[in-house]
C-alpha atoms as a PDB file:
ATOM      1  CA  MET A   1      69.913 -32.826   2.770  1.00  0.00           C
ATOM      2  CA  PRO A   2      66.111 -33.145   1.691  1.00  0.00           C
ATOM      3  CA  ILE A   3      65.499 -33.163  -2.438  1.00  0.00           C
ATOM      4  CA  THR A   4      63.788 -30.130  -3.711  1.00  0.00           C
ATOM      5  CA  LEU A   5      60.990 -30.143  -5.680  1.00  0.00           C
ATOM      6  CA  GLU A   6      62.897 -28.665  -8.772  1.00  0.00           C
ATOM      7  CA  GLU A   7      65.725 -30.851  -8.371  1.00  0.00           C
ATOM      8  CA  ILE A   8      62.996 -34.240  -8.830  1.00  0.00           C
ATOM      9  CA  ARG A   9      60.660 -32.804 -11.274  1.00  0.00           C
ATOM     10  CA  ARG A  10      62.404 -33.663 -14.697  1.00  0.00           C
ATOM     11  CA  PHE A  11      62.224 -37.575 -13.402  1.00  0.00           C
ATOM     12  CA  LEU A  12      58.465 -37.662 -13.429  1.00  0.00           C
ATOM     13  CA  GLY A  13      57.462 -40.072 -15.831  1.00  0.00           C
ATOM     14  CA  ARG A  14      61.000 -41.698 -16.036  1.00  0.00           C
ATOM     15  CA  SER A  15      62.158 -44.868 -14.239  1.00  0.00           C
ATOM     16  CA  LEU A  16      63.793 -45.252 -10.960  1.00  0.00           C
ATOM     17  CA  GLN A  17      66.177 -47.769  -9.785  1.00  0.00           C
ATOM     18  CA  ASP A  18      67.270 -49.201  -6.653  1.00  0.00           C
ATOM     19  CA  PRO A  19      71.200 -48.880  -5.275  1.00  0.00           C
ATOM     20  CA  TYR A  20      72.242 -52.157  -7.171  1.00  0.00           C
ATOM     21  CA  GLY A  21      70.522 -51.210 -10.813  1.00  0.00           C
ATOM     22  CA  ARG A  22      67.284 -52.973 -10.833  1.00  0.00           C
ATOM     23  CA  THR A  23      64.580 -51.014 -12.317  1.00  0.00           C
ATOM     24  CA  PHE A  24      62.114 -50.518  -9.056  1.00  0.00           C
ATOM     25  CA  GLY A  25      59.003 -48.828 -11.198  1.00  0.00           C
ATOM     26  CA  LYS A  26      57.922 -45.465 -12.799  1.00  0.00           C
ATOM     27  CA  VAL A  27      57.771 -42.205 -11.153  1.00  0.00           C
ATOM     28  CA  VAL A  28      53.890 -40.764 -11.565  1.00  0.00           C
ATOM     29  CA  GLY A  29      53.464 -38.637  -8.761  1.00  0.00           C
ATOM     30  CA  ILE A  30      55.844 -36.306  -6.326  1.00  0.00           C
ATOM     31  CA  SER A  31      54.527 -34.884  -2.698  1.00  0.00           C
ATOM     32  CA  ALA A  32      56.051 -31.662  -1.519  1.00  0.00           C
ATOM     33  CA  ASN A  33      55.745 -29.561   1.643  1.00  0.00           C
ATOM     34  CA  LEU A  34      55.855 -25.703   1.713  1.00  0.00           C
ATOM     35  CA  LYS A  35      59.725 -25.616   1.974  1.00  0.00           C
ATOM     36  CA  ASP A  36      59.466 -27.097  -1.663  1.00  0.00           C
ATOM     37  CA  GLU A  37      61.011 -30.501   0.103  1.00  0.00           C
ATOM     38  CA  ILE A  38      60.003 -33.757  -1.199  1.00  0.00           C
ATOM     39  CA  THR A  39      57.879 -35.209   1.474  1.00  0.00           C
ATOM     40  CA  GLY A  40      56.845 -38.484  -0.768  1.00  0.00           C
ATOM     41  CA  VAL A  41      57.013 -40.128  -4.388  1.00  0.00           C
ATOM     42  CA  GLY A  42      54.282 -42.051  -5.990  1.00  0.00           C
ATOM     43  CA  ILE A  43      55.768 -44.828  -8.208  1.00  0.00           C
ATOM     44  CA  GLU A  44      53.930 -47.041 -10.636  1.00  0.00           C
ATOM     45  CA  VAL A  45      55.397 -50.837 -10.181  1.00  0.00           C
ATOM     46  CA  GLY A  46      56.242 -53.623 -12.577  1.00  0.00           C
ATOM     47  CA  ASN A  47      52.945 -55.235 -11.814  1.00  0.00           C
ATOM     48  CA  GLY A  48      50.566 -52.338 -12.652  1.00  0.00           C
ATOM     49  CA  GLU A  49      50.516 -51.443  -8.673  1.00  0.00           C
ATOM     50  CA  PHE A  50      50.934 -48.013  -7.188  1.00  0.00           C
ATOM     51  CA  VAL A  51      52.977 -47.263  -4.430  1.00  0.00           C
ATOM     52  CA  GLN A  52      53.895 -44.350  -1.939  1.00  0.00           C
ATOM     53  CA  CYS A  53      57.527 -43.912  -0.857  1.00  0.00           C
ATOM     54  CA  PRO A  54      58.923 -41.757   1.748  1.00  0.00           C
ATOM     55  CA  GLY A  55      60.725 -38.726   0.447  1.00  0.00           C
ATOM     56  CA  ASP A  56      64.039 -39.677   2.009  1.00  0.00           C
ATOM     57  CA  ARG A  57      64.329 -42.971   0.546  1.00  0.00           C
ATOM     58  CA  VAL A  58      64.829 -41.123  -2.705  1.00  0.00           C
ATOM     59  CA  LYS A  59      68.257 -39.512  -3.683  1.00  0.00           C
ATOM     60  CA  ILE A  60      69.459 -38.438  -7.208  1.00  0.00           C
ATOM     61  CA  SER A  61      72.902 -40.252  -8.328  1.00  0.00           C
ATOM     62  CA  ALA A  62      74.133 -38.612 -11.770  1.00  0.00           C
ATOM     63  CA  ASP A  63      71.429 -39.009 -13.762  1.00  0.00           C
ATOM     64  CA  THR A  64      69.341 -41.218 -12.018  1.00  0.00           C
ATOM     65  CA  LEU A  65      66.812 -41.461  -9.245  1.00  0.00           C
ATOM     66  CA  VAL A  66      67.438 -44.165  -6.549  1.00  0.00           C
ATOM     67  CA  LEU A  67      65.293 -45.541  -4.212  1.00  0.00           C
ATOM     68  CA  ALA A  68      66.945 -46.825  -0.953  1.00  0.00           C
ATOM     69  CA  PRO A  69      65.197 -50.116   0.688  1.00  0.00           C
ATOM     70  CA  THR A  70      63.654 -49.459   3.965  1.00  0.00           C
ATOM     71  CA  TRP A  71      66.129 -51.500   5.655  1.00  0.00           C
ATOM     72  CA  LYS A  72      69.017 -49.535   4.306  1.00  0.00           C
ATOM     73  CA  VAL A  73      67.402 -46.127   5.551  1.00  0.00           C
ATOM     74  CA  GLU A  74      66.665 -47.656   8.581  1.00  0.00           C
ATOM     75  CA  ALA A  75      70.127 -49.068   9.399  1.00  0.00           C
ATOM     76  CA  GLU A  76      71.486 -45.797   8.405  1.00  0.00           C
ATOM     77  CA  GLU A  77      69.554 -43.830  10.826  1.00  0.00           C
ATOM     78  CA  PHE A  78      70.197 -46.241  13.171  1.00  0.00           C
ATOM     79  CA  ARG A  79      73.924 -45.984  13.056  1.00  0.00           C
ATOM     80  CA  LYS A  80      73.832 -42.402  13.323  1.00  0.00           C
ATOM     81  CA  GLU A  81      72.027 -42.223  16.274  1.00  0.00           C
ATOM     82  CA  PHE A  82      73.900 -44.809  17.863  1.00  0.00           C
ATOM     83  CA  ASP A  83      77.083 -43.180  17.122  1.00  0.00           C
ATOM     84  CA  VAL A  84      76.014 -39.741  18.360  1.00  0.00           C
ATOM     85  CA  VAL A  85      74.649 -41.239  21.457  1.00  0.00           C
ATOM     86  CA  THR A  86      77.565 -43.100  22.223  1.00  0.00           C
ATOM     87  CA  ARG A  87      80.246 -40.604  21.761  1.00  0.00           C
ATOM     88  CA  ARG A  88      78.129 -38.308  24.036  1.00  0.00           C
ATOM     89  CA  LEU A  89      78.043 -40.954  26.968  1.00  0.00           C
ATOM     90  CA  ARG A  90      81.858 -41.393  26.459  1.00  0.00           C
ATOM     91  CA  ALA A  91      82.119 -37.555  26.965  1.00  0.00           C
ATOM     92  CA  LEU A  92      79.829 -37.053  29.585  1.00  0.00           C
ATOM     93  CA  ASP A  93      81.890 -39.913  31.605  1.00  0.00           C
ATOM     94  CA  GLU A  94      85.086 -38.455  30.876  1.00  0.00           C
ATOM     95  CA  LEU A  95      84.091 -34.951  32.145  1.00  0.00           C
ATOM     96  CA  PHE A  96      82.172 -36.428  35.406  1.00  0.00           C
ATOM     97  CA  SER A  97      85.749 -38.736  35.977  1.00  0.00           C
ATOM     98  CA  VAL A  98      87.784 -35.575  35.940  1.00  0.00           C
ATOM     99  CA  GLY A  99      85.040 -33.757  38.073  1.00  0.00           C
ATOM    100  CA  ASP A 100      84.142 -31.070  35.368  1.00  0.00           C
ATOM    101  CA  ILE A 101      80.247 -32.390  35.930  1.00  0.00           C
ATOM    102  CA  GLN A 102      78.453 -32.117  39.186  1.00  0.00           C
ATOM    103  CA  LYS A 103      77.604 -35.711  40.243  1.00  0.00           C
ATOM    104  CA  ASP A 104      73.450 -34.842  40.282  1.00  0.00           C
ATOM    105  CA  VAL A 105      73.851 -33.155  36.758  1.00  0.00           C
ATOM    106  CA  TYR A 106      75.949 -35.700  35.287  1.00  0.00           C
ATOM    107  CA  GLU A 107      73.255 -38.712  36.485  1.00  0.00           C
ATOM    108  CA  ASP A 108      70.357 -36.675  34.827  1.00  0.00           C
ATOM    109  CA  MET A 109      72.152 -36.603  31.430  1.00  0.00           C
ATOM    110  CA  ARG A 110      73.676 -39.973  31.712  1.00  0.00           C
ATOM    111  CA  LYS A 111      69.864 -41.319  32.325  1.00  0.00           C
ATOM    112  CA  GLN A 112      68.450 -39.463  29.219  1.00  0.00           C
ATOM    113  CA  HIS A 113      71.197 -41.035  27.233  1.00  0.00           C
ATOM    114  CA  GLU A 114      70.777 -44.230  28.392  1.00  0.00           C
ATOM    115  CA  ASP A 115      66.862 -44.308  27.951  1.00  0.00           C
ATOM    116  CA  ALA A 116      68.113 -43.171  24.351  1.00  0.00           C
ATOM    117  CA  ILE A 117      69.979 -46.332  23.977  1.00  0.00           C
ATOM    118  CA  ASN A 118      67.520 -48.591  25.279  1.00  0.00           C
ATOM    119  CA  GLU A 119      64.812 -46.886  22.590  1.00  0.00           C
ATOM    120  CA  LEU A 120      68.067 -47.871  20.074  1.00  0.00           C
ATOM    121  CA  LYS A 121      68.003 -51.560  21.167  1.00  0.00           C
ATOM    122  CA  SER A 122      64.266 -52.387  20.453  1.00  0.00           C
ATOM    123  CA  LYS A 123      64.951 -50.622  16.870  1.00  0.00           C
ATOM    124  CA  ARG A 124      67.930 -52.634  16.507  1.00  0.00           C
ATOM    125  CA  LYS A 125      66.022 -55.482  17.074  1.00  0.00           C
ATOM    126  CA  SER A 126      63.600 -54.940  14.671  1.00  0.00           C
ATOM    127  CA  ILE A 127      65.959 -53.938  11.837  1.00  0.00           C
ATOM    128  CA  LEU A 128      67.835 -57.594  12.481  1.00  0.00           C
ATOM    129  CA  ASP A 129      64.795 -59.200  11.945  1.00  0.00           C
ATOM    130  CA  THR A 130      64.055 -56.960   8.633  1.00  0.00           C
ATOM    131  CA  LEU A 131      67.593 -57.963   7.289  1.00  0.00           C
ATOM    132  CA  SER A 132      67.569 -61.559   8.317  1.00  0.00           C
ATOM    133  CA  GLN A 133      63.922 -61.842   6.214  1.00  0.00           C
ATOM    134  CA  ARG A 134      65.794 -59.850   3.227  1.00  0.00           C
ATOM    135  CA  SER A 135      68.740 -62.113   3.485  1.00  0.00           C
ATOM    136  CA  SER A 136      66.666 -65.345   3.440  1.00  0.00           C
ATOM    137  CA  THR A 137      64.623 -63.964   0.398  1.00  0.00           C
ATOM    138  CA  LEU A 138      67.802 -63.048  -1.532  1.00  0.00           C
ATOM    139  CA  ASN A 139      69.250 -66.564  -0.906  1.00  0.00           C
ATOM    140  CA  THR A 140      65.994 -67.749  -2.285  1.00  0.00           C
ATOM    141  CA  GLN A 141      66.372 -65.492  -5.573  1.00  0.00           C
ATOM    142  CA  LEU A 142      69.992 -66.689  -5.753  1.00  0.00           C
ATOM    143  CA  ARG A 143      68.943 -70.577  -5.811  1.00  0.00           C
ATOM    144  CA  GLN A 144      66.553 -69.799  -8.445  1.00  0.00           C
ATOM    145  CA  LEU A 145      68.694 -67.887 -10.822  1.00  0.00           C
ATOM    146  CA  GLN A 146      71.660 -70.407 -10.649  1.00  0.00           C
ATOM    147  CA  THR A 147      69.324 -72.796 -11.061  1.00  0.00           C
ATOM    148  CA  HIS A 148      67.760 -71.306 -14.439  1.00  0.00           C
ATOM    149  CA  LEU A 149      71.218 -70.347 -15.703  1.00  0.00           C
ATOM    150  CA  ALA A 150      72.007 -74.400 -15.353  1.00  0.00           C
ATOM    151  CA  GLY A 151      68.892 -75.457 -16.850  1.00  0.00           C
ATOM    152  CA  ASN A 152      69.511 -73.049 -19.866  1.00  0.00           C
ATOM    153  CA  LYS A 153      72.831 -74.147 -20.250  1.00  0.00           C
ATOM    154  CA  MET A 154      71.487 -77.604 -20.469  1.00  0.00           C
ATOM    155  CA  PHE A 155      69.329 -76.979 -23.284  1.00  0.00           C
ATOM    156  CA  HIS A 156      71.594 -75.068 -24.912  1.00  0.00           C
ATOM    157  CA  ALA A 157      74.175 -77.868 -24.794  1.00  0.00           C
ATOM    158  CA  SER A 158      71.061 -80.189 -26.217  1.00  0.00           C
ATOM    159  CA  GLY A 159      70.383 -77.918 -29.028  1.00  0.00           C
ATOM    160  CA  GLU A 160      66.998 -76.893 -27.711  1.00  0.00           C
ATOM    161  CA  PHE A 161      67.932 -73.208 -27.330  1.00  0.00           C
ATOM    162  CA  ASP A 162      69.803 -71.386 -29.770  1.00  0.00           C
ATOM    163  CA  ASP A 163      72.536 -69.214 -29.588  1.00  0.00           C
ATOM    164  CA  GLN A 164      70.993 -65.921 -29.800  1.00  0.00           C
ATOM    165  CA  SER A 165      68.210 -66.884 -27.353  1.00  0.00           C
ATOM    166  CA  TYR A 166      70.727 -68.354 -24.697  1.00  0.00           C
ATOM    167  CA  LYS A 167      73.191 -65.299 -24.872  1.00  0.00           C
ATOM    168  CA  ALA A 168      70.112 -63.043 -24.144  1.00  0.00           C
ATOM    169  CA  VAL A 169      68.816 -65.053 -21.281  1.00  0.00           C
ATOM    170  CA  SER A 170      72.050 -65.564 -19.786  1.00  0.00           C
ATOM    171  CA  ASP A 171      72.988 -62.238 -19.939  1.00  0.00           C
ATOM    172  CA  ALA A 172      69.815 -61.178 -18.048  1.00  0.00           C
ATOM    173  CA  ILE A 173      70.827 -63.772 -15.549  1.00  0.00           C
ATOM    174  CA  ASP A 174      74.071 -63.095 -14.662  1.00  0.00           C
ATOM    175  CA  THR A 175      73.049 -59.471 -14.221  1.00  0.00           C
ATOM    176  CA  GLY A 176      70.288 -60.532 -11.808  1.00  0.00           C
ATOM    177  CA  LEU A 177      73.026 -62.618 -10.216  1.00  0.00           C
ATOM    178  CA  VAL A 178      75.383 -59.618  -9.599  1.00  0.00           C
ATOM    179  CA  ARG A 179      72.832 -57.467  -8.524  1.00  0.00           C
ATOM    180  CA  ALA A 180      71.543 -60.161  -5.967  1.00  0.00           C
ATOM    181  CA  MET A 181      74.792 -60.662  -4.727  1.00  0.00           C
ATOM    182  CA  ALA A 182      75.590 -57.271  -4.189  1.00  0.00           C
ATOM    183  CA  GLU A 183      72.409 -56.625  -1.784  1.00  0.00           C
ATOM    184  CA  ARG A 184      72.967 -59.543   0.206  1.00  0.00           C
ATOM    185  CA  LYS A 185      76.748 -58.588   0.594  1.00  0.00           C
ATOM    186  CA  GLU A 186      75.488 -55.338   1.952  1.00  0.00           C
ATOM    187  CA  VAL A 187      72.831 -57.050   4.023  1.00  0.00           C
ATOM    188  CA  ASP A 188      75.164 -59.412   5.916  1.00  0.00           C
ATOM    189  CA  SER A 189      77.525 -56.378   6.487  1.00  0.00           C
ATOM    190  CA  ILE A 190      75.071 -54.844   8.116  1.00  0.00           C
ATOM    191  CA  PHE A 191      73.683 -57.348  10.223  1.00  0.00           C
ATOM    192  CA  GLY A 192      77.018 -58.522  11.332  1.00  0.00           C
ATOM    193  CA  TYR A 193      77.825 -54.876  12.710  1.00  0.00           C
ATOM    194  CA  LEU A 194      74.420 -54.524  14.356  1.00  0.00           C
ATOM    195  CA  SER A 195      75.087 -57.931  15.738  1.00  0.00           C
ATOM    196  CA  LYS A 196      78.142 -56.991  17.615  1.00  0.00           C
ATOM    197  CA  LEU A 197      76.177 -54.437  19.489  1.00  0.00           C
ATOM    198  CA  ASP A 198      74.704 -56.646  22.175  1.00  0.00           C
ATOM    199  CA  SER A 199      73.787 -55.642  25.448  1.00  0.00           C
ATOM    200  CA  SER A 200      76.646 -55.695  27.386  1.00  0.00           C
ATOM    201  CA  SER A 201      78.086 -53.190  24.908  1.00  0.00           C
ATOM    202  CA  THR A 202      75.349 -50.902  24.026  1.00  0.00           C
ATOM    203  CA  VAL A 203      75.479 -49.078  27.269  1.00  0.00           C
ATOM    204  CA  PRO A 204      78.606 -48.640  29.213  1.00  0.00           C
ATOM    205  CA  ALA A 205      79.138 -48.500  32.478  1.00  0.00           C
ATOM    206  CA  PRO A 206      78.512 -45.298  34.625  1.00  0.00           C
ATOM    207  CA  ALA A 207      81.801 -43.374  35.304  1.00  0.00           C
ATOM    208  CA  THR A 208      83.340 -42.969  38.764  1.00  0.00           C
ATOM    209  CA  GLN A 209      85.456 -39.477  39.944  1.00  0.00           C
ATOM    210  CA  THR A 210      88.732 -40.135  40.242  1.00  0.00           C
ATOM    211  CA  PRO A 211      89.767 -38.934  43.695  1.00  0.00           C
ATOM    212  CA  VAL A 212      92.221 -36.065  43.225  1.00  0.00           C
ATOM    213  CA  ALA A 213      95.463 -36.439  46.030  1.00  0.00           C
ATOM    214  CA  ALA A 214      95.816 -33.590  48.365  1.00  0.00           C
ATOM    215  CA  PRO A 215      98.930 -31.975  47.687  1.00  0.00           C
ATOM    216  CA  THR A 216     101.989 -32.965  50.465  1.00  0.00           C
ATOM    217  CA  PRO A 217     102.709 -30.010  52.195  1.00  0.00           C
ATOM    218  CA  ALA A 218     106.309 -28.639  52.284  1.00  0.00           C
ATOM    219  CA  PRO A 219     108.153 -29.491  55.440  1.00  0.00           C
ATOM    220  CA  SER A 220     108.391 -26.341  57.516  1.00  0.00           C
ATOM    221  CA  ALA A 221     111.657 -24.502  58.645  1.00  0.00           C
ATOM    222  CA  ALA A 222     111.146 -25.680  62.008  1.00  0.00           C
ATOM    223  CA  SER A 223     110.893 -29.217  61.238  1.00  0.00           C
ATOM    224  CA  GLN A 224     113.893 -29.299  58.447  1.00  0.00           C
ATOM    225  CA  PRO A 225     116.823 -30.691  60.061  1.00  0.00           C
ATOM    226  CA  LYS A 226     119.707 -28.514  61.143  1.00  0.00           C
ATOM    227  CA  ASP A 227     123.219 -28.376  59.783  1.00  0.00           C
ATOM    228  CA  GLN A 228     125.381 -30.427  62.451  1.00  0.00           C
ATOM    229  CA  VAL A 229     128.828 -28.953  63.827  1.00  0.00           C
ATOM    230  CA  MET A 230     131.675 -31.352  64.380  1.00  0.00           C
ATOM    231  CA  VAL A 231     133.851 -29.508  67.312  1.00  0.00           C
ATOM    232  CA  LEU A 232     137.704 -30.995  67.442  1.00  0.00           C
ATOM    233  CA  HIS A 233     139.656 -30.813  70.481  1.00  0.00           C
ATOM    234  CA  VAL A 234     143.140 -30.523  70.200  1.00  0.00           C
ATOM    235  CA  ARG A 235     145.404 -31.122  72.958  1.00  0.00           C
ATOM    236  CA  GLU A 236     149.269 -30.152  73.007  1.00  0.00           C
ATOM    237  CA  THR A 237     151.592 -32.570  73.871  1.00  0.00           C
END
């Protein structure tokens, strides 16, 4: 459900975060349509640049405005569309197999849904590429943070960093590691889900109608066997 201007205006001039707790920037502008629904959010990012993000990437969590990554929004939209089209295909196949839908109508409707799935296949490939790039970026960030943490431990052990400075930077790095690992875990989970949807399982095979056996006619009275009568002859002696 879209967020309204009334709901989001209190965040104007405040910071917004990503789903993992990292501050993304400050809200400096809001766009809305005639229905008062948010269509875009202007953000000043940390380096002083400004970006415009679509309204569907923003949601309110408690007292925080959260900006979802593009890959997360695209993956969620794909999952919903894929679930809907595959459920409908299964329903069509089941109805056709029992003779509740005419063949020509079934073929037309199935073709429409197969075309939709083929479009989703190309979207899936694009999302997988984006997820792969993001996972690589997060791995690099994690490696850098771990290297800095090890270096800080060395400088602290050698007496070159005092306790206060060492604790401050260590806490910051620990927080960064937790957030980066949380995002990488979600990226890897979605990547694994999408990877399983290969071409062989994306489009189910068309259904075939199960022939209905004609009822076996009941035997007529003429064909029914008559009771046999046994006659005994008694001879007197």
